[in-house]
Full PDB file with SEQRES, HELIX, SHEET, SSBOND, CRYST1, ORIGX, SCALE, CONECT and MASTER records, all heavy atoms in Angstrom:
SEQRES   1 A   35  CYS VAL SER SER SER ARG CYS LYS ARG CYS PRO ILE ARG          
SEQRES   2 A   35  MET LEU LYS GLU GLY THR LEU PRO PRO GLY TYR THR VAL          
SEQRES   3 A   35  LYS LYS ARG ARG LEU VAL LYS ILE GLU                          
HELIX    1 AA1 PRO A   11  GLU A   17  1                                   7    
SHEET    1 AA1 2 TYR A  24  LYS A  27  0                                        
SHEET    2 AA1 2 ARG A  30  LYS A  33 -1                                        
CRYST1    1.000    1.000    1.000  90.00  90.00  90.00 P 1           1          
ORIGX1      1.000000  0.000000  0.000000        0.00000                         
ORIGX2      0.000000  1.000000  0.000000        0.00000                         
ORIGX3      0.000000  0.000000  1.000000        0.00000                         
SCALE1      1.000000  0.000000  0.000000        0.00000                         
SCALE2      0.000000  1.000000  0.000000        0.00000                         
SCALE3      0.000000  0.000000  1.000000        0.00000                         
ATOM      1  N   CYS A   1      54.952 140.505 148.241  1.00  0.00           N  
ATOM      2  CA  CYS A   1      54.994 141.949 147.996  1.00  0.00           C  
ATOM      3  C   CYS A   1      55.155 142.744 149.289  1.00  0.00           C  
ATOM      4  O   CYS A   1      55.156 143.968 149.272  1.00  0.00           O  
ATOM      5  CB  CYS A   1      53.742 142.399 147.261  1.00  0.00           C  
ATOM      6  SG  CYS A   1      52.213 142.034 148.125  1.00  0.00           S  
ATOM      7  N   VAL A   2      55.280 142.085 150.430  1.00  0.00           N  
ATOM      8  CA  VAL A   2      55.548 142.676 151.740  1.00  0.00           C  
ATOM      9  C   VAL A   2      54.467 143.673 152.170  1.00  0.00           C  
ATOM     10  O   VAL A   2      54.748 144.646 152.848  1.00  0.00           O  
ATOM     11  CB  VAL A   2      56.961 143.329 151.801  1.00  0.00           C  
ATOM     12  CG1 VAL A   2      57.385 143.575 153.238  1.00  0.00           C  
ATOM     13  CG2 VAL A   2      57.990 142.460 151.136  1.00  0.00           C  
ATOM     14  N   SER A   3      53.219 143.440 151.761  1.00  0.00           N  
ATOM     15  CA  SER A   3      52.147 144.311 152.246  1.00  0.00           C  
ATOM     16  C   SER A   3      51.756 143.851 153.644  1.00  0.00           C  
ATOM     17  O   SER A   3      51.802 142.666 153.962  1.00  0.00           O  
ATOM     18  CB  SER A   3      50.937 144.262 151.319  1.00  0.00           C  
ATOM     19  OG  SER A   3      50.219 143.071 151.493  1.00  0.00           O  
ATOM     20  N   SER A   4      51.366 144.794 154.481  1.00  0.00           N  
ATOM     21  CA  SER A   4      51.044 144.445 155.868  1.00  0.00           C  
ATOM     22  C   SER A   4      49.740 143.654 155.967  1.00  0.00           C  
ATOM     23  O   SER A   4      49.549 142.890 156.898  1.00  0.00           O  
ATOM     24  CB  SER A   4      50.948 145.709 156.712  1.00  0.00           C  
ATOM     25  OG  SER A   4      49.940 146.559 156.211  1.00  0.00           O  
ATOM     26  N   SER A   5      48.839 143.814 154.984  1.00  0.00           N  
ATOM     27  CA  SER A   5      47.555 143.116 155.056  1.00  0.00           C  
ATOM     28  C   SER A   5      47.578 141.754 154.360  1.00  0.00           C  
ATOM     29  O   SER A   5      46.596 141.026 154.414  1.00  0.00           O  
ATOM     30  CB  SER A   5      46.466 143.984 154.441  1.00  0.00           C  
ATOM     31  OG  SER A   5      46.759 144.240 153.078  1.00  0.00           O  
ATOM     32  N   ARG A   6      48.646 141.406 153.675  1.00  0.00           N  
ATOM     33  CA  ARG A   6      48.818 140.129 152.979  1.00  0.00           C  
ATOM     34  C   ARG A   6      47.721 139.892 151.936  1.00  0.00           C  
ATOM     35  O   ARG A   6      46.579 139.649 152.257  1.00  0.00           O  
ATOM     36  CB  ARG A   6      48.845 138.943 153.944  1.00  0.00           C  
ATOM     37  CG  ARG A   6      49.946 139.005 154.959  1.00  0.00           C  
ATOM     38  CD  ARG A   6      51.201 138.356 154.424  1.00  0.00           C  
ATOM     39  NE  ARG A   6      52.179 138.254 155.493  1.00  0.00           N  
ATOM     40  CZ  ARG A   6      53.315 138.909 155.497  1.00  0.00           C  
ATOM     41  NH1 ARG A   6      53.622 139.693 154.516  1.00  0.00           N  
ATOM     42  NH2 ARG A   6      54.135 138.773 156.492  1.00  0.00           N  
ATOM     43  N   CYS A   7      48.091 139.938 150.678  1.00  0.00           N  
ATOM     44  CA  CYS A   7      47.135 139.737 149.596  1.00  0.00           C  
ATOM     45  C   CYS A   7      46.657 138.283 149.552  1.00  0.00           C  
ATOM     46  O   CYS A   7      47.191 137.419 150.243  1.00  0.00           O  
ATOM     47  CB  CYS A   7      47.776 140.139 148.267  1.00  0.00           C  
ATOM     48  SG  CYS A   7      49.192 139.137 147.812  1.00  0.00           S  
ATOM     49  N   LYS A   8      45.669 138.009 148.726  1.00  0.00           N  
ATOM     50  CA  LYS A   8      45.076 136.665 148.638  1.00  0.00           C  
ATOM     51  C   LYS A   8      46.049 135.625 148.101  1.00  0.00           C  
ATOM     52  O   LYS A   8      45.936 134.459 148.416  1.00  0.00           O  
ATOM     53  CB  LYS A   8      43.842 136.697 147.720  1.00  0.00           C  
ATOM     54  CG  LYS A   8      42.726 137.565 148.232  1.00  0.00           C  
ATOM     55  CD  LYS A   8      41.986 136.894 149.323  1.00  0.00           C  
ATOM     56  CE  LYS A   8      40.799 137.728 149.754  1.00  0.00           C  
ATOM     57  NZ  LYS A   8      40.245 137.305 150.995  1.00  0.00           N  
ATOM     58  N   ARG A   9      46.993 136.026 147.267  1.00  0.00           N  
ATOM     59  CA  ARG A   9      47.930 135.083 146.663  1.00  0.00           C  
ATOM     60  C   ARG A   9      49.309 135.129 147.293  1.00  0.00           C  
ATOM     61  O   ARG A   9      50.272 134.631 146.725  1.00  0.00           O  
ATOM     62  CB  ARG A   9      48.051 135.382 145.166  1.00  0.00           C  
ATOM     63  CG  ARG A   9      46.776 135.082 144.404  1.00  0.00           C  
ATOM     64  CD  ARG A   9      46.881 135.428 142.944  1.00  0.00           C  
ATOM     65  NE  ARG A   9      48.074 134.860 142.347  1.00  0.00           N  
ATOM     66  CZ  ARG A   9      48.818 135.497 141.443  1.00  0.00           C  
ATOM     67  NH1 ARG A   9      48.535 136.691 141.060  1.00  0.00           N  
ATOM     68  NH2 ARG A   9      49.871 134.912 140.936  1.00  0.00           N  
ATOM     69  N   CYS A  10      49.421 135.714 148.472  1.00  0.00           N  
ATOM     70  CA  CYS A  10      50.710 135.839 149.151  1.00  0.00           C  
ATOM     71  C   CYS A  10      51.243 134.449 149.510  1.00  0.00           C  
ATOM     72  O   CYS A  10      50.554 133.663 150.166  1.00  0.00           O  
ATOM     73  CB  CYS A  10      50.562 136.679 150.408  1.00  0.00           C  
ATOM     74  SG  CYS A  10      52.095 136.874 151.311  1.00  0.00           S  
ATOM     75  N   PRO A  11      52.470 134.114 149.090  1.00  0.00           N  
ATOM     76  CA  PRO A  11      53.007 132.777 149.395  1.00  0.00           C  
ATOM     77  C   PRO A  11      53.191 132.541 150.896  1.00  0.00           C  
ATOM     78  O   PRO A  11      53.011 131.418 151.368  1.00  0.00           O  
ATOM     79  CB  PRO A  11      54.337 132.736 148.655  1.00  0.00           C  
ATOM     80  CG  PRO A  11      54.680 134.146 148.353  1.00  0.00           C  
ATOM     81  CD  PRO A  11      53.402 134.897 148.283  1.00  0.00           C  
ATOM     82  N   ILE A  12      53.489 133.594 151.658  1.00  0.00           N  
ATOM     83  CA  ILE A  12      53.669 133.442 153.107  1.00  0.00           C  
ATOM     84  C   ILE A  12      52.338 133.112 153.774  1.00  0.00           C  
ATOM     85  O   ILE A  12      52.259 132.220 154.616  1.00  0.00           O  
ATOM     86  CB  ILE A  12      54.288 134.717 153.714  1.00  0.00           C  
ATOM     87  CG1 ILE A  12      55.703 134.909 153.172  1.00  0.00           C  
ATOM     88  CG2 ILE A  12      54.309 134.651 155.228  1.00  0.00           C  
ATOM     89  CD1 ILE A  12      56.336 136.219 153.553  1.00  0.00           C  
ATOM     90  N   ARG A  13      51.276 133.810 153.368  1.00  0.00           N  
ATOM     91  CA  ARG A  13      49.950 133.547 153.930  1.00  0.00           C  
ATOM     92  C   ARG A  13      49.471 132.155 153.543  1.00  0.00           C  
ATOM     93  O   ARG A  13      48.944 131.414 154.369  1.00  0.00           O  
ATOM     94  CB  ARG A  13      48.947 134.599 153.438  1.00  0.00           C  
ATOM     95  CG  ARG A  13      47.565 134.446 154.057  1.00  0.00           C  
ATOM     96  CD  ARG A  13      46.540 135.331 153.392  1.00  0.00           C  
ATOM     97  NE  ARG A  13      46.396 135.048 151.974  1.00  0.00           N  
ATOM     98  CZ  ARG A  13      45.709 134.023 151.468  1.00  0.00           C  
ATOM     99  NH1 ARG A  13      45.117 133.172 152.266  1.00  0.00           N  
ATOM    100  NH2 ARG A  13      45.622 133.838 150.181  1.00  0.00           N  
ATOM    101  N   MET A  14      49.690 131.761 152.281  1.00  0.00           N  
ATOM    102  CA  MET A  14      49.260 130.444 151.827  1.00  0.00           C  
ATOM    103  C   MET A  14      50.016 129.330 152.543  1.00  0.00           C  
ATOM    104  O   MET A  14      49.447 128.287 152.847  1.00  0.00           O  
ATOM    105  CB  MET A  14      49.428 130.320 150.313  1.00  0.00           C  
ATOM    106  CG  MET A  14      48.468 131.208 149.547  1.00  0.00           C  
ATOM    107  SD  MET A  14      48.668 131.095 147.778  1.00  0.00           S  
ATOM    108  CE  MET A  14      47.762 129.595 147.441  1.00  0.00           C  
ATOM    109  N   LEU A  15      51.299 129.543 152.844  1.00  0.00           N  
ATOM    110  CA  LEU A  15      52.088 128.561 153.587  1.00  0.00           C  
ATOM    111  C   LEU A  15      51.535 128.407 154.993  1.00  0.00           C  
ATOM    112  O   LEU A  15      51.375 127.286 155.488  1.00  0.00           O  
ATOM    113  CB  LEU A  15      53.556 128.984 153.626  1.00  0.00           C  
ATOM    114  CG  LEU A  15      54.504 128.076 154.391  1.00  0.00           C  
ATOM    115  CD1 LEU A  15      54.638 126.741 153.674  1.00  0.00           C  
ATOM    116  CD2 LEU A  15      55.859 128.720 154.535  1.00  0.00           C  
ATOM    117  N   LYS A  16      51.202 129.524 155.630  1.00  0.00           N  
ATOM    118  CA  LYS A  16      50.684 129.489 156.998  1.00  0.00           C  
ATOM    119  C   LYS A  16      49.327 128.794 157.063  1.00  0.00           C  
ATOM    120  O   LYS A  16      49.056 128.014 157.965  1.00  0.00           O  
ATOM    121  CB  LYS A  16      50.567 130.919 157.537  1.00  0.00           C  
ATOM    122  CG  LYS A  16      50.136 130.984 158.971  1.00  0.00           C  
ATOM    123  CD  LYS A  16      50.107 132.407 159.467  1.00  0.00           C  
ATOM    124  CE  LYS A  16      49.650 132.457 160.919  1.00  0.00           C  
ATOM    125  NZ  LYS A  16      49.569 133.828 161.412  1.00  0.00           N  
ATOM    126  N   GLU A  17      48.466 129.054 156.070  1.00  0.00           N  
ATOM    127  CA  GLU A  17      47.129 128.452 156.039  1.00  0.00           C  
ATOM    128  C   GLU A  17      47.147 127.005 155.557  1.00  0.00           C  
ATOM    129  O   GLU A  17      46.176 126.291 155.717  1.00  0.00           O  
ATOM    130  CB  GLU A  17      46.212 129.260 155.129  1.00  0.00           C  
ATOM    131  CG  GLU A  17      45.871 130.616 155.659  1.00  0.00           C  
ATOM    132  CD  GLU A  17      44.994 131.402 154.713  1.00  0.00           C  
ATOM    133  OE1 GLU A  17      44.801 130.973 153.548  1.00  0.00           O  
ATOM    134  OE2 GLU A  17      44.498 132.461 155.138  1.00  0.00           O  
ATOM    135  N   GLY A  18      48.231 126.604 154.915  1.00  0.00           N  
ATOM    136  CA  GLY A  18      48.312 125.240 154.400  1.00  0.00           C  
ATOM    137  C   GLY A  18      47.689 125.090 153.024  1.00  0.00           C  
ATOM    138  O   GLY A  18      47.375 123.989 152.606  1.00  0.00           O  
ATOM    139  N   THR A  19      47.501 126.200 152.285  1.00  0.00           N  
ATOM    140  CA  THR A  19      46.894 126.137 150.963  1.00  0.00           C  
ATOM    141  C   THR A  19      47.923 126.227 149.840  1.00  0.00           C  
ATOM    142  O   THR A  19      47.553 126.325 148.683  1.00  0.00           O  
ATOM    143  CB  THR A  19      45.854 127.266 150.793  1.00  0.00           C  
ATOM    144  OG1 THR A  19      46.497 128.527 151.019  1.00  0.00           O  
ATOM    145  CG2 THR A  19      44.694 127.103 151.744  1.00  0.00           C  
ATOM    146  N   LEU A  20      49.192 126.173 150.194  1.00  0.00           N  
ATOM    147  CA  LEU A  20      50.257 126.201 149.197  1.00  0.00           C  
ATOM    148  C   LEU A  20      50.234 124.874 148.439  1.00  0.00           C  
ATOM    149  O   LEU A  20      50.058 123.816 149.041  1.00  0.00           O  
ATOM    150  CB  LEU A  20      51.598 126.379 149.908  1.00  0.00           C  
ATOM    151  CG  LEU A  20      52.739 127.033 149.154  1.00  0.00           C  
ATOM    152  CD1 LEU A  20      52.376 128.426 148.689  1.00  0.00           C  
ATOM    153  CD2 LEU A  20      53.961 127.101 150.024  1.00  0.00           C  
ATOM    154  N   PRO A  21      50.383 124.892 147.094  1.00  0.00           N  
ATOM    155  CA  PRO A  21      50.356 123.635 146.335  1.00  0.00           C  
ATOM    156  C   PRO A  21      51.465 122.681 146.773  1.00  0.00           C  
ATOM    157  O   PRO A  21      52.526 123.128 147.224  1.00  0.00           O  
ATOM    158  CB  PRO A  21      50.593 124.086 144.887  1.00  0.00           C  
ATOM    159  CG  PRO A  21      50.311 125.528 144.857  1.00  0.00           C  
ATOM    160  CD  PRO A  21      50.547 126.055 146.232  1.00  0.00           C  
ATOM    161  N   PRO A  22      51.242 121.374 146.669  1.00  0.00           N  
ATOM    162  CA  PRO A  22      52.281 120.418 147.061  1.00  0.00           C  
ATOM    163  C   PRO A  22      53.524 120.579 146.190  1.00  0.00           C  
ATOM    164  O   PRO A  22      53.428 120.845 144.995  1.00  0.00           O  
ATOM    165  CB  PRO A  22      51.635 119.054 146.844  1.00  0.00           C  
ATOM    166  CG  PRO A  22      50.406 119.291 146.070  1.00  0.00           C  
ATOM    167  CD  PRO A  22      50.036 120.723 146.200  1.00  0.00           C  
ATOM    168  N   GLY A  23      54.686 120.431 146.804  1.00  0.00           N  
ATOM    169  CA  GLY A  23      55.941 120.556 146.083  1.00  0.00           C  
ATOM    170  C   GLY A  23      56.532 121.957 146.121  1.00  0.00           C  
ATOM    171  O   GLY A  23      57.527 122.229 145.489  1.00  0.00           O  
ATOM    172  N   TYR A  24      55.883 122.871 146.863  1.00  0.00           N  
ATOM    173  CA  TYR A  24      56.368 124.244 146.968  1.00  0.00           C  
ATOM    174  C   TYR A  24      56.561 124.633 148.426  1.00  0.00           C  
ATOM    175  O   TYR A  24      55.895 124.100 149.297  1.00  0.00           O  
ATOM    176  CB  TYR A  24      55.371 125.235 146.340  1.00  0.00           C  
ATOM    177  CG  TYR A  24      55.317 125.175 144.847  1.00  0.00           C  
ATOM    178  CD1 TYR A  24      54.363 124.392 144.206  1.00  0.00           C  
ATOM    179  CD2 TYR A  24      56.205 125.891 144.062  1.00  0.00           C  
ATOM    180  CE1 TYR A  24      54.305 124.335 142.829  1.00  0.00           C  
ATOM    181  CE2 TYR A  24      56.162 125.841 142.683  1.00  0.00           C  
ATOM    182  CZ  TYR A  24      55.203 125.061 142.071  1.00  0.00           C  
ATOM    183  OH  TYR A  24      55.158 125.007 140.710  1.00  0.00           O  
ATOM    184  N   THR A  25      57.472 125.575 148.649  1.00  0.00           N  
ATOM    185  CA  THR A  25      57.673 126.160 149.968  1.00  0.00           C  
ATOM    186  C   THR A  25      58.128 127.594 149.771  1.00  0.00           C  
ATOM    187  O   THR A  25      58.307 128.051 148.649  1.00  0.00           O  
ATOM    188  CB  THR A  25      58.681 125.358 150.809  1.00  0.00           C  
ATOM    189  OG1 THR A  25      58.657 125.839 152.139  1.00  0.00           O  
ATOM    190  CG2 THR A  25      60.094 125.475 150.268  1.00  0.00           C  
ATOM    191  N   VAL A  26      58.316 128.326 150.875  1.00  0.00           N  
ATOM    192  CA  VAL A  26      58.729 129.721 150.808  1.00  0.00           C  
ATOM    193  C   VAL A  26      60.048 129.868 151.550  1.00  0.00           C  
ATOM    194  O   VAL A  26      60.178 129.432 152.683  1.00  0.00           O  
ATOM    195  CB  VAL A  26      57.659 130.646 151.442  1.00  0.00           C  
ATOM    196  CG1 VAL A  26      58.111 132.090 151.403  1.00  0.00           C  
ATOM    197  CG2 VAL A  26      56.329 130.468 150.758  1.00  0.00           C  
ATOM    198  N   LYS A  27      61.020 130.471 150.879  1.00  0.00           N  
ATOM    199  CA  LYS A  27      62.317 130.763 151.495  1.00  0.00           C  
ATOM    200  C   LYS A  27      62.697 132.188 151.137  1.00  0.00           C  
ATOM    201  O   LYS A  27      62.698 132.547 149.958  1.00  0.00           O  
ATOM    202  CB  LYS A  27      63.391 129.804 150.987  1.00  0.00           C  
ATOM    203  CG  LYS A  27      63.197 128.386 151.489  1.00  0.00           C  
ATOM    204  CD  LYS A  27      64.357 127.502 151.099  1.00  0.00           C  
ATOM    205  CE  LYS A  27      64.112 126.089 151.602  1.00  0.00           C  
ATOM    206  NZ  LYS A  27      65.175 125.188 151.207  1.00  0.00           N  
ATOM    207  N   LYS A  28      63.002 132.985 152.154  1.00  0.00           N  
ATOM    208  CA  LYS A  28      63.384 134.392 151.979  1.00  0.00           C  
ATOM    209  C   LYS A  28      62.350 135.156 151.160  1.00  0.00           C  
ATOM    210  O   LYS A  28      62.688 135.892 150.244  1.00  0.00           O  
ATOM    211  CB  LYS A  28      64.766 134.495 151.339  1.00  0.00           C  
ATOM    212  CG  LYS A  28      65.853 133.919 152.205  1.00  0.00           C  
ATOM    213  CD  LYS A  28      67.216 134.146 151.597  1.00  0.00           C  
ATOM    214  CE  LYS A  28      68.277 133.544 152.495  1.00  0.00           C  
ATOM    215  NZ  LYS A  28      69.621 133.728 151.939  1.00  0.00           N  
ATOM    216  N   ARG A  29      61.056 134.956 151.496  1.00  0.00           N  
ATOM    217  CA  ARG A  29      59.922 135.621 150.851  1.00  0.00           C  
ATOM    218  C   ARG A  29      59.735 135.276 149.381  1.00  0.00           C  
ATOM    219  O   ARG A  29      59.018 135.943 148.660  1.00  0.00           O  
ATOM    220  CB  ARG A  29      60.006 137.142 151.007  1.00  0.00           C  
ATOM    221  CG  ARG A  29      59.896 137.615 152.421  1.00  0.00           C  
ATOM    222  CD  ARG A  29      59.749 139.116 152.464  1.00  0.00           C  
ATOM    223  NE  ARG A  29      59.661 139.589 153.822  1.00  0.00           N  
ATOM    224  CZ  ARG A  29      58.531 139.706 154.510  1.00  0.00           C  
ATOM    225  NH1 ARG A  29      57.401 139.393 153.952  1.00  0.00           N  
ATOM    226  NH2 ARG A  29      58.538 140.135 155.736  1.00  0.00           N  
ATOM    227  N   ARG A  30      60.376 134.220 148.919  1.00  0.00           N  
ATOM    228  CA  ARG A  30      60.221 133.782 147.527  1.00  0.00           C  
ATOM    229  C   ARG A  30      59.679 132.358 147.485  1.00  0.00           C  
ATOM    230  O   ARG A  30      60.013 131.529 148.320  1.00  0.00           O  
ATOM    231  CB  ARG A  30      61.558 133.824 146.788  1.00  0.00           C  
ATOM    232  CG  ARG A  30      62.070 135.218 146.580  1.00  0.00           C  
ATOM    233  CD  ARG A  30      63.310 135.228 145.726  1.00  0.00           C  
ATOM    234  NE  ARG A  30      63.800 136.584 145.569  1.00  0.00           N  
ATOM    235  CZ  ARG A  30      63.506 137.354 144.519  1.00  0.00           C  
ATOM    236  NH1 ARG A  30      62.743 136.905 143.564  1.00  0.00           N  
ATOM    237  NH2 ARG A  30      63.984 138.575 144.448  1.00  0.00           N  
ATOM    238  N   LEU A  31      58.865 132.096 146.478  1.00  0.00           N  
ATOM    239  CA  LEU A  31      58.298 130.772 146.275  1.00  0.00           C  
ATOM    240  C   LEU A  31      59.360 129.890 145.626  1.00  0.00           C  
ATOM    241  O   LEU A  31      59.958 130.264 144.627  1.00  0.00           O  
ATOM    242  CB  LEU A  31      57.078 130.887 145.358  1.00  0.00           C  
ATOM    243  CG  LEU A  31      56.268 129.630 145.140  1.00  0.00           C  
ATOM    244  CD1 LEU A  31      55.521 129.263 146.410  1.00  0.00           C  
ATOM    245  CD2 LEU A  31      55.290 129.833 144.011  1.00  0.00           C  
ATOM    246  N   VAL A  32      59.625 128.729 146.215  1.00  0.00           N  
ATOM    247  CA  VAL A  32      60.614 127.805 145.655  1.00  0.00           C  
ATOM    248  C   VAL A  32      60.011 126.414 145.538  1.00  0.00           C  
ATOM    249  O   VAL A  32      59.140 126.029 146.310  1.00  0.00           O  
ATOM    250  CB  VAL A  32      61.910 127.733 146.505  1.00  0.00           C  
ATOM    251  CG1 VAL A  32      62.664 129.036 146.438  1.00  0.00           C  
ATOM    252  CG2 VAL A  32      61.623 127.349 147.922  1.00  0.00           C  
ATOM    253  N   LYS A  33      60.463 125.673 144.534  1.00  0.00           N  
ATOM    254  CA  LYS A  33      59.985 124.318 144.314  1.00  0.00           C  
ATOM    255  C   LYS A  33      60.885 123.353 145.075  1.00  0.00           C  
ATOM    256  O   LYS A  33      62.104 123.485 145.051  1.00  0.00           O  
ATOM    257  CB  LYS A  33      60.007 123.996 142.829  1.00  0.00           C  
ATOM    258  CG  LYS A  33      59.337 122.706 142.491  1.00  0.00           C  
ATOM    259  CD  LYS A  33      58.781 122.756 141.095  1.00  0.00           C  
ATOM    260  CE  LYS A  33      58.132 121.437 140.792  1.00  0.00           C  
ATOM    261  NZ  LYS A  33      56.729 121.544 140.584  1.00  0.00           N  
ATOM    262  N   ILE A  34      60.275 122.386 145.736  1.00  0.00           N  
ATOM    263  CA  ILE A  34      61.007 121.388 146.513  1.00  0.00           C  
ATOM    264  C   ILE A  34      61.289 120.192 145.620  1.00  0.00           C  
ATOM    265  O   ILE A  34      60.417 119.712 144.905  1.00  0.00           O  
ATOM    266  CB  ILE A  34      60.176 120.908 147.728  1.00  0.00           C  
ATOM    267  CG1 ILE A  34      59.837 122.057 148.640  1.00  0.00           C  
ATOM    268  CG2 ILE A  34      60.916 119.830 148.487  1.00  0.00           C  
ATOM    269  CD1 ILE A  34      58.857 121.668 149.728  1.00  0.00           C  
ATOM    270  N   GLU A  35      62.527 119.723 145.670  1.00  0.00           N  
ATOM    271  CA  GLU A  35      62.870 118.494 144.954  1.00  0.00           C  
ATOM    272  C   GLU A  35      62.540 117.313 145.851  1.00  0.00           C  
ATOM    273  O   GLU A  35      62.913 117.291 147.015  1.00  0.00           O  
ATOM    274  CB  GLU A  35      64.355 118.448 144.625  1.00  0.00           C  
ATOM    275  CG  GLU A  35      64.760 119.322 143.482  1.00  0.00           C  
ATOM    276  CD  GLU A  35      66.212 119.107 143.115  1.00  0.00           C  
ATOM    277  OE1 GLU A  35      66.722 117.978 143.282  1.00  0.00           O  
ATOM    278  OE2 GLU A  35      66.825 120.078 142.672  1.00  0.00           O  
TER     279      GLU A  35                                                      
MASTER        0    0    0    1    2    0    0    6  278    1    0    3          
END                                                                             
């Protein structure tokens, strides 16, 4: 959602912290599934 404070469910913040579920990544601010 491009908020400056980053919400709790932000995919960018979760990727940085390493809490993103396995099989997912972030590309162009969108959550994408990895094959």
